[in-house]
Structures are given as structure tokens and as C-alpha cells.
Amino acid sequence: MKIRLKTAIAGPGLVLGVGDTADFPEDEAKRLIDKGFAEPVRAAKKAPEKKIETAAFPTEEIETATE
């Protein structure tokens, strides 16, 4: 489970600061959340893709002025 830390924690081979996100086993993540040391990271909703309009030039040959 992905969590965001509200406090720094450290252990063997692990050092995380406030605001860091990390994946933890479900039971350990829930324990940290219940103790107030972390909060779950919710999956962000994807914003709808914006359509970009572009100008299209005619594919026909363009007339040019000549002398």
C-alpha cells in the first residue's frame, strides 16, 4: 500500500522523511496510518486530455504572383 509520511522514520536500510511516499505491506501501512505517522496515497484522477486545434493549410497548389 502506498503511503505518505507525516513524520520521519528510519530502520535497517530505510530512512524516510516527512512528505516522502513509499510502498509498505498492507498491515504495516495500516499500522502507520492508525498511529498517525502516515496517510494513504490516493490514486490521482486523470484529467481529461485537452484537444489542441491546429490550423490546416489546403493541400492544393498555392497561386503566386509573377511578373
PDB file of N, CA and C in Angstrom:
ATOM      1  N   MET A   1       0.855  -1.169   0.000  1.00  0.00           N
ATOM      2  CA  MET A   1       0.000   0.000   0.000  1.00  0.00           C
ATOM      3  C   MET A   1       0.900   1.231   0.000  1.00  0.00           C
ATOM      4  N   LYS A   2       0.565   2.209  -0.817  1.00  0.00           N
ATOM      5  CA  LYS A   2       1.364   3.427  -0.916  1.00  0.00           C
ATOM      6  C   LYS A   2       0.881   4.423   0.139  1.00  0.00           C
ATOM      7  N   ILE A   3       1.855   4.952   0.924  1.00  0.00           N
ATOM      8  CA  ILE A   3       1.533   5.922   1.971  1.00  0.00           C
ATOM      9  C   ILE A   3       2.451   7.129   1.865  1.00  0.00           C
ATOM     10  N   ARG A   4       2.001   8.242   2.456  1.00  0.00           N
ATOM     11  CA  ARG A   4       2.808   9.470   2.553  1.00  0.00           C
ATOM     12  C   ARG A   4       3.056   9.696   4.041  1.00  0.00           C
ATOM     13  N   LEU A   5       4.324   9.892   4.392  1.00  0.00           N
ATOM     14  CA  LEU A   5       4.689  10.022   5.803  1.00  0.00           C
ATOM     15  C   LEU A   5       4.422  11.411   6.352  1.00  0.00           C
ATOM     16  N   LYS A   6       3.911  11.444   7.584  1.00  0.00           N
ATOM     17  CA  LYS A   6       3.692  12.699   8.301  1.00  0.00           C
ATOM     18  C   LYS A   6       4.829  12.963   9.274  1.00  0.00           C
ATOM     19  N   THR A   7       5.676  11.973   9.483  1.00  0.00           N
ATOM     20  CA  THR A   7       6.829  12.071  10.363  1.00  0.00           C
ATOM     21  C   THR A   7       7.970  11.258   9.771  1.00  0.00           C
ATOM     22  N   ALA A   8       9.181  11.589  10.135  1.00  0.00           N
ATOM     23  CA  ALA A   8      10.339  10.848   9.623  1.00  0.00           C
ATOM     24  C   ALA A   8      10.430   9.502  10.335  1.00  0.00           C
ATOM     25  N   ILE A   9      10.816   8.475   9.601  1.00  0.00           N
ATOM     26  CA  ILE A   9      11.042   7.158  10.197  1.00  0.00           C
ATOM     27  C   ILE A   9      12.340   6.592   9.640  1.00  0.00           C
ATOM     28  N   ALA A  10      12.963   5.729  10.429  1.00  0.00           N
ATOM     29  CA  ALA A  10      14.204   5.094   9.998  1.00  0.00           C
ATOM     30  C   ALA A  10      14.257   3.686  10.565  1.00  0.00           C
ATOM     31  N   GLY A  11      14.907   2.816   9.867  1.00  0.00           N
ATOM     32  CA  GLY A  11      15.087   1.439  10.298  1.00  0.00           C
ATOM     33  C   GLY A  11      16.246   0.849   9.518  1.00  0.00           C
ATOM     34  N   PRO A  12      16.474  -0.438   9.680  1.00  0.00           N
ATOM     35  CA  PRO A  12      17.563  -1.071   8.937  1.00  0.00           C
ATOM     36  C   PRO A  12      17.354  -0.917   7.424  1.00  0.00           C
ATOM     37  N   GLY A  13      18.222  -0.156   6.790  1.00  0.00           N
ATOM     38  CA  GLY A  13      18.144   0.041   5.347  1.00  0.00           C
ATOM     39  C   GLY A  13      17.006   0.934   4.902  1.00  0.00           C
ATOM     40  N   LEU A  14      16.436   1.734   5.831  1.00  0.00           N
ATOM     41  CA  LEU A  14      15.279   2.562   5.494  1.00  0.00           C
ATOM     42  C   LEU A  14      15.384   3.902   6.208  1.00  0.00           C
ATOM     43  N   VAL A  15      15.368   4.984   5.453  1.00  0.00           N
ATOM     44  CA  VAL A  15      15.328   6.330   6.015  1.00  0.00           C
ATOM     45  C   VAL A  15      14.358   7.126   5.158  1.00  0.00           C
ATOM     46  N   LEU A  16      13.245   7.565   5.773  1.00  0.00           N
ATOM     47  CA  LEU A  16      12.231   8.337   5.051  1.00  0.00           C
ATOM     48  C   LEU A  16      11.905   9.597   5.842  1.00  0.00           C
ATOM     49  N   GLY A  17      11.720  10.708   5.143  1.00  0.00           N
ATOM     50  CA  GLY A  17      11.415  11.976   5.789  1.00  0.00           C
ATOM     51  C   GLY A  17       9.951  12.355   5.632  1.00  0.00           C
ATOM     52  N   VAL A  18       9.579  13.444   6.263  1.00  0.00           N
ATOM     53  CA  VAL A  18       8.214  13.960   6.191  1.00  0.00           C
ATOM     54  C   VAL A  18       7.873  14.263   4.736  1.00  0.00           C
ATOM     55  N   GLY A  19       6.720  13.787   4.286  1.00  0.00           N
ATOM     56  CA  GLY A  19       6.262  14.022   2.920  1.00  0.00           C
ATOM     57  C   GLY A  19       6.712  12.979   1.924  1.00  0.00           C
ATOM     58  N   ASP A  20       7.638  12.113   2.313  1.00  0.00           N
ATOM     59  CA  ASP A  20       8.074  11.040   1.406  1.00  0.00           C
ATOM     60  C   ASP A  20       6.951  10.036   1.215  1.00  0.00           C
ATOM     61  N   THR A  21       6.890   9.445   0.031  1.00  0.00           N
ATOM     62  CA  THR A  21       5.927   8.380  -0.232  1.00  0.00           C
ATOM     63  C   THR A  21       6.685   7.077  -0.411  1.00  0.00           C
ATOM     64  N   ALA A  22       6.045   5.997   0.012  1.00  0.00           N
ATOM     65  CA  ALA A  22       6.680   4.686  -0.094  1.00  0.00           C
ATOM     66  C   ALA A  22       5.607   3.609  -0.098  1.00  0.00           C
ATOM     67  N   ASP A  23       5.965   2.448  -0.651  1.00  0.00           N
ATOM     68  CA  ASP A  23       5.084   1.284  -0.624  1.00  0.00           C
ATOM     69  C   ASP A  23       5.445   0.428   0.576  1.00  0.00           C
ATOM     70  N   PHE A  24       4.442   0.061   1.360  1.00  0.00           N
ATOM     71  CA  PHE A  24       4.612  -0.797   2.522  1.00  0.00           C
ATOM     72  C   PHE A  24       3.641  -1.962   2.409  1.00  0.00           C
ATOM     73  N   PRO A  25       3.946  -3.074   3.065  1.00  0.00           N
ATOM     74  CA  PRO A  25       2.960  -4.154   3.140  1.00  0.00           C
ATOM     75  C   PRO A  25       1.675  -3.621   3.783  1.00  0.00           C
ATOM     76  N   GLU A  26       0.547  -4.130   3.362  1.00  0.00           N
ATOM     77  CA  GLU A  26      -0.772  -3.639   3.798  1.00  0.00           C
ATOM     78  C   GLU A  26      -0.882  -3.496   5.317  1.00  0.00           C
ATOM     79  N   ASP A  27      -0.491  -4.528   6.072  1.00  0.00           N
ATOM     80  CA  ASP A  27      -0.650  -4.479   7.529  1.00  0.00           C
ATOM     81  C   ASP A  27       0.243  -3.410   8.162  1.00  0.00           C
ATOM     82  N   GLU A  28       1.460  -3.265   7.683  1.00  0.00           N
ATOM     83  CA  GLU A  28       2.374  -2.258   8.230  1.00  0.00           C
ATOM     84  C   GLU A  28       1.902  -0.848   7.872  1.00  0.00           C
ATOM     85  N   ALA A  29       1.419  -0.668   6.656  1.00  0.00           N
ATOM     86  CA  ALA A  29       0.909   0.636   6.232  1.00  0.00           C
ATOM     87  C   ALA A  29      -0.284   1.041   7.085  1.00  0.00           C
ATOM     88  N   LYS A  30      -1.205   0.126   7.320  1.00  0.00           N
ATOM     89  CA  LYS A  30      -2.379   0.440   8.139  1.00  0.00           C
ATOM     90  C   LYS A  30      -1.974   0.797   9.567  1.00  0.00           C
ATOM     91  N   ARG A  31      -0.964   0.110  10.103  1.00  0.00           N
ATOM     92  CA  ARG A  31      -0.489   0.403  11.458  1.00  0.00           C
ATOM     93  C   ARG A  31       0.076   1.818  11.528  1.00  0.00           C
ATOM     94  N   LEU A  32       0.869   2.210  10.533  1.00  0.00           N
ATOM     95  CA  LEU A  32       1.437   3.563  10.498  1.00  0.00           C
ATOM     96  C   LEU A  32       0.347   4.625  10.347  1.00  0.00           C
ATOM     97  N   ILE A  33      -0.676   4.328   9.548  1.00  0.00           N
ATOM     98  CA  ILE A  33      -1.797   5.252   9.354  1.00  0.00           C
ATOM     99  C   ILE A  33      -2.599   5.377  10.654  1.00  0.00           C
ATOM    100  N   ASP A  34      -2.884   4.252  11.300  1.00  0.00           N
ATOM    101  CA  ASP A  34      -3.653   4.261  12.552  1.00  0.00           C
ATOM    102  C   ASP A  34      -2.937   5.028  13.662  1.00  0.00           C
ATOM    103  N   LYS A  35      -1.619   4.966  13.684  1.00  0.00           N
ATOM    104  CA  LYS A  35      -0.831   5.672  14.701  1.00  0.00           C
ATOM    105  C   LYS A  35      -0.652   7.158  14.367  1.00  0.00           C
ATOM    106  N   GLY A  36      -1.069   7.579  13.168  1.00  0.00           N
ATOM    107  CA  GLY A  36      -0.958   8.980  12.776  1.00  0.00           C
ATOM    108  C   GLY A  36       0.382   9.339  12.164  1.00  0.00           C
ATOM    109  N   PHE A  37       1.197   8.346  11.862  1.00  0.00           N
ATOM    110  CA  PHE A  37       2.513   8.605  11.277  1.00  0.00           C
ATOM    111  C   PHE A  37       2.465   8.773   9.766  1.00  0.00           C
ATOM    112  N   ALA A  38       1.357   8.363   9.147  1.00  0.00           N
ATOM    113  CA  ALA A  38       1.268   8.396   7.683  1.00  0.00           C
ATOM    114  C   ALA A  38      -0.182   8.540   7.249  1.00  0.00           C
ATOM    115  N   GLU A  39      -0.354   8.787   5.959  1.00  0.00           N
ATOM    116  CA  GLU A  39      -1.684   8.847   5.364  1.00  0.00           C
ATOM    117  C   GLU A  39      -1.647   8.068   4.053  1.00  0.00           C
ATOM    118  N   PRO A  40      -2.768   7.479   3.669  1.00  0.00           N
ATOM    119  CA  PRO A  40      -2.769   6.733   2.403  1.00  0.00           C
ATOM    120  C   PRO A  40      -2.645   7.684   1.220  1.00  0.00           C
ATOM    121  N   VAL A  41      -2.007   7.213   0.177  1.00  0.00           N
ATOM    122  CA  VAL A  41      -1.902   7.992  -1.061  1.00  0.00           C
ATOM    123  C   VAL A  41      -3.000   7.483  -1.978  1.00  0.00           C
ATOM    124  N   ARG A  42      -3.895   8.358  -2.312  1.00  0.00           N
ATOM    125  CA  ARG A  42      -4.999   8.005  -3.217  1.00  0.00           C
ATOM    126  C   ARG A  42      -4.531   8.146  -4.655  1.00  0.00           C
ATOM    127  N   ALA A  43      -5.010   7.288  -5.503  1.00  0.00           N
ATOM    128  CA  ALA A  43      -4.681   7.383  -6.924  1.00  0.00           C
ATOM    129  C   ALA A  43      -5.289   8.671  -7.467  1.00  0.00           C
ATOM    130  N   ALA A  44      -4.491   9.433  -8.143  1.00  0.00           N
ATOM    131  CA  ALA A  44      -4.958  10.694  -8.715  1.00  0.00           C
ATOM    132  C   ALA A  44      -5.867  10.407  -9.898  1.00  0.00           C
ATOM    133  N   LYS A  45      -6.943  11.176  -9.973  1.00  0.00           N
ATOM    134  CA  LYS A  45      -7.836  11.052 -11.121  1.00  0.00           C
ATOM    135  C   LYS A  45      -7.160  11.703 -12.311  1.00  0.00           C
ATOM    136  N   LYS A  46      -7.235  11.029 -13.428  1.00  0.00           N
ATOM    137  CA  LYS A  46      -6.635  11.579 -14.636  1.00  0.00           C
ATOM    138  C   LYS A  46      -7.533  12.678 -15.190  1.00  0.00           C
ATOM    139  N   ALA A  47      -6.923  13.796 -15.490  1.00  0.00           N
ATOM    140  CA  ALA A  47      -7.653  14.898 -16.097  1.00  0.00           C
ATOM    141  C   ALA A  47      -7.936  14.532 -17.551  1.00  0.00           C
ATOM    142  N   PRO A  48      -9.100  14.918 -18.036  1.00  0.00           N
ATOM    143  CA  PRO A  48      -9.381  14.623 -19.441  1.00  0.00           C
ATOM    144  C   PRO A  48      -8.359  15.310 -20.340  1.00  0.00           C
ATOM    145  N   GLU A  49      -7.984  14.619 -21.386  1.00  0.00           N
ATOM    146  CA  GLU A  49      -6.998  15.185 -22.299  1.00  0.00           C
ATOM    147  C   GLU A  49      -7.598  16.366 -23.045  1.00  0.00           C
ATOM    148  N   LYS A  50      -6.808  17.420 -23.153  1.00  0.00           N
ATOM    149  CA  LYS A  50      -7.271  18.602 -23.871  1.00  0.00           C
ATOM    150  C   LYS A  50      -6.987  18.398 -25.352  1.00  0.00           C
ATOM    151  N   LYS A  51      -7.972  18.718 -26.165  1.00  0.00           N
ATOM    152  CA  LYS A  51      -7.772  18.635 -27.606  1.00  0.00           C
ATOM    153  C   LYS A  51      -7.156  19.939 -28.069  1.00  0.00           C
ATOM    154  N   ILE A  52      -6.143  19.822 -28.855  1.00  0.00           N
ATOM    155  CA  ILE A  52      -5.469  21.005 -29.387  1.00  0.00           C
ATOM    156  C   ILE A  52      -5.847  21.150 -30.855  1.00  0.00           C
ATOM    157  N   GLU A  53      -6.422  22.304 -31.170  1.00  0.00           N
ATOM    158  CA  GLU A  53      -6.805  22.560 -32.548  1.00  0.00           C
ATOM    159  C   GLU A  53      -5.620  23.169 -33.271  1.00  0.00           C
ATOM    160  N   THR A  54      -5.390  22.709 -34.465  1.00  0.00           N
ATOM    161  CA  THR A  54      -4.310  23.264 -35.278  1.00  0.00           C
ATOM    162  C   THR A  54      -4.871  23.712 -36.613  1.00  0.00           C
ATOM    163  N   ALA A  55      -4.234  24.697 -37.186  1.00  0.00           N
ATOM    164  CA  ALA A  55      -4.669  25.188 -38.494  1.00  0.00           C
ATOM    165  C   ALA A  55      -4.154  24.240 -39.562  1.00  0.00           C
ATOM    166  N   ALA A  56      -4.993  24.001 -40.542  1.00  0.00           N
ATOM    167  CA  ALA A  56      -4.588  23.123 -41.648  1.00  0.00           C
ATOM    168  C   ALA A  56      -4.551  23.949 -42.931  1.00  0.00           C
ATOM    169  N   PHE A  57      -3.471  23.854 -43.653  1.00  0.00           N
ATOM    170  CA  PHE A  57      -3.355  24.554 -44.921  1.00  0.00           C
ATOM    171  C   PHE A  57      -3.905  23.664 -46.023  1.00  0.00           C
ATOM    172  N   PRO A  58      -4.507  24.282 -47.044  1.00  0.00           N
ATOM    173  CA  PRO A  58      -5.026  23.469 -48.142  1.00  0.00           C
ATOM    174  C   PRO A  58      -3.880  22.720 -48.830  1.00  0.00           C
ATOM    175  N   THR A  59      -4.177  21.552 -49.282  1.00  0.00           N
ATOM    176  CA  THR A  59      -3.144  20.750 -49.925  1.00  0.00           C
ATOM    177  C   THR A  59      -3.002  21.083 -51.401  1.00  0.00           C
ATOM    178  N   GLU A  60      -3.890  21.925 -51.922  1.00  0.00           N
ATOM    179  CA  GLU A  60      -3.801  22.334 -53.321  1.00  0.00           C
ATOM    180  C   GLU A  60      -2.599  23.257 -53.495  1.00  0.00           C
ATOM    181  N   GLU A  61      -2.148  23.375 -54.734  1.00  0.00           N
ATOM    182  CA  GLU A  61      -1.026  24.250 -55.012  1.00  0.00           C
ATOM    183  C   GLU A  61      -1.469  25.705 -54.826  1.00  0.00           C
ATOM    184  N   ILE A  62      -0.615  26.508 -54.207  1.00  0.00           N
ATOM    185  CA  ILE A  62      -0.938  27.903 -53.926  1.00  0.00           C
ATOM    186  C   ILE A  62      -0.466  28.763 -55.103  1.00  0.00           C
ATOM    187  N   GLU A  63      -1.377  29.663 -55.592  1.00  0.00           N
ATOM    188  CA  GLU A  63      -1.026  30.571 -56.691  1.00  0.00           C
ATOM    189  C   GLU A  63      -0.135  31.675 -56.178  1.00  0.00           C
ATOM    190  N   THR A  64       0.854  32.032 -56.957  1.00  0.00           N
ATOM    191  CA  THR A  64       1.727  33.150 -56.602  1.00  0.00           C
ATOM    192  C   THR A  64       1.752  34.151 -57.744  1.00  0.00           C
ATOM    193  N   ALA A  65       1.975  35.394 -57.408  1.00  0.00           N
ATOM    194  CA  ALA A  65       2.026  36.445 -58.438  1.00  0.00           C
ATOM    195  C   ALA A  65       3.359  36.387 -59.164  1.00  0.00           C
ATOM    196  N   THR A  66       3.297  36.572 -60.480  1.00  0.00           N
ATOM    197  CA  THR A  66       4.522  36.604 -61.275  1.00  0.00           C
ATOM    198  C   THR A  66       4.522  37.849 -62.137  1.00  0.00           C
ATOM    199  N   GLU A  67       5.670  38.277 -62.613  1.00  0.00           N
ATOM    200  CA  GLU A  67       5.738  39.471 -63.461  1.00  0.00           C
ATOM    201  C   GLU A  67       5.461  39.151 -64.884  1.00  0.00           C
TER     202      GLU A  67
END
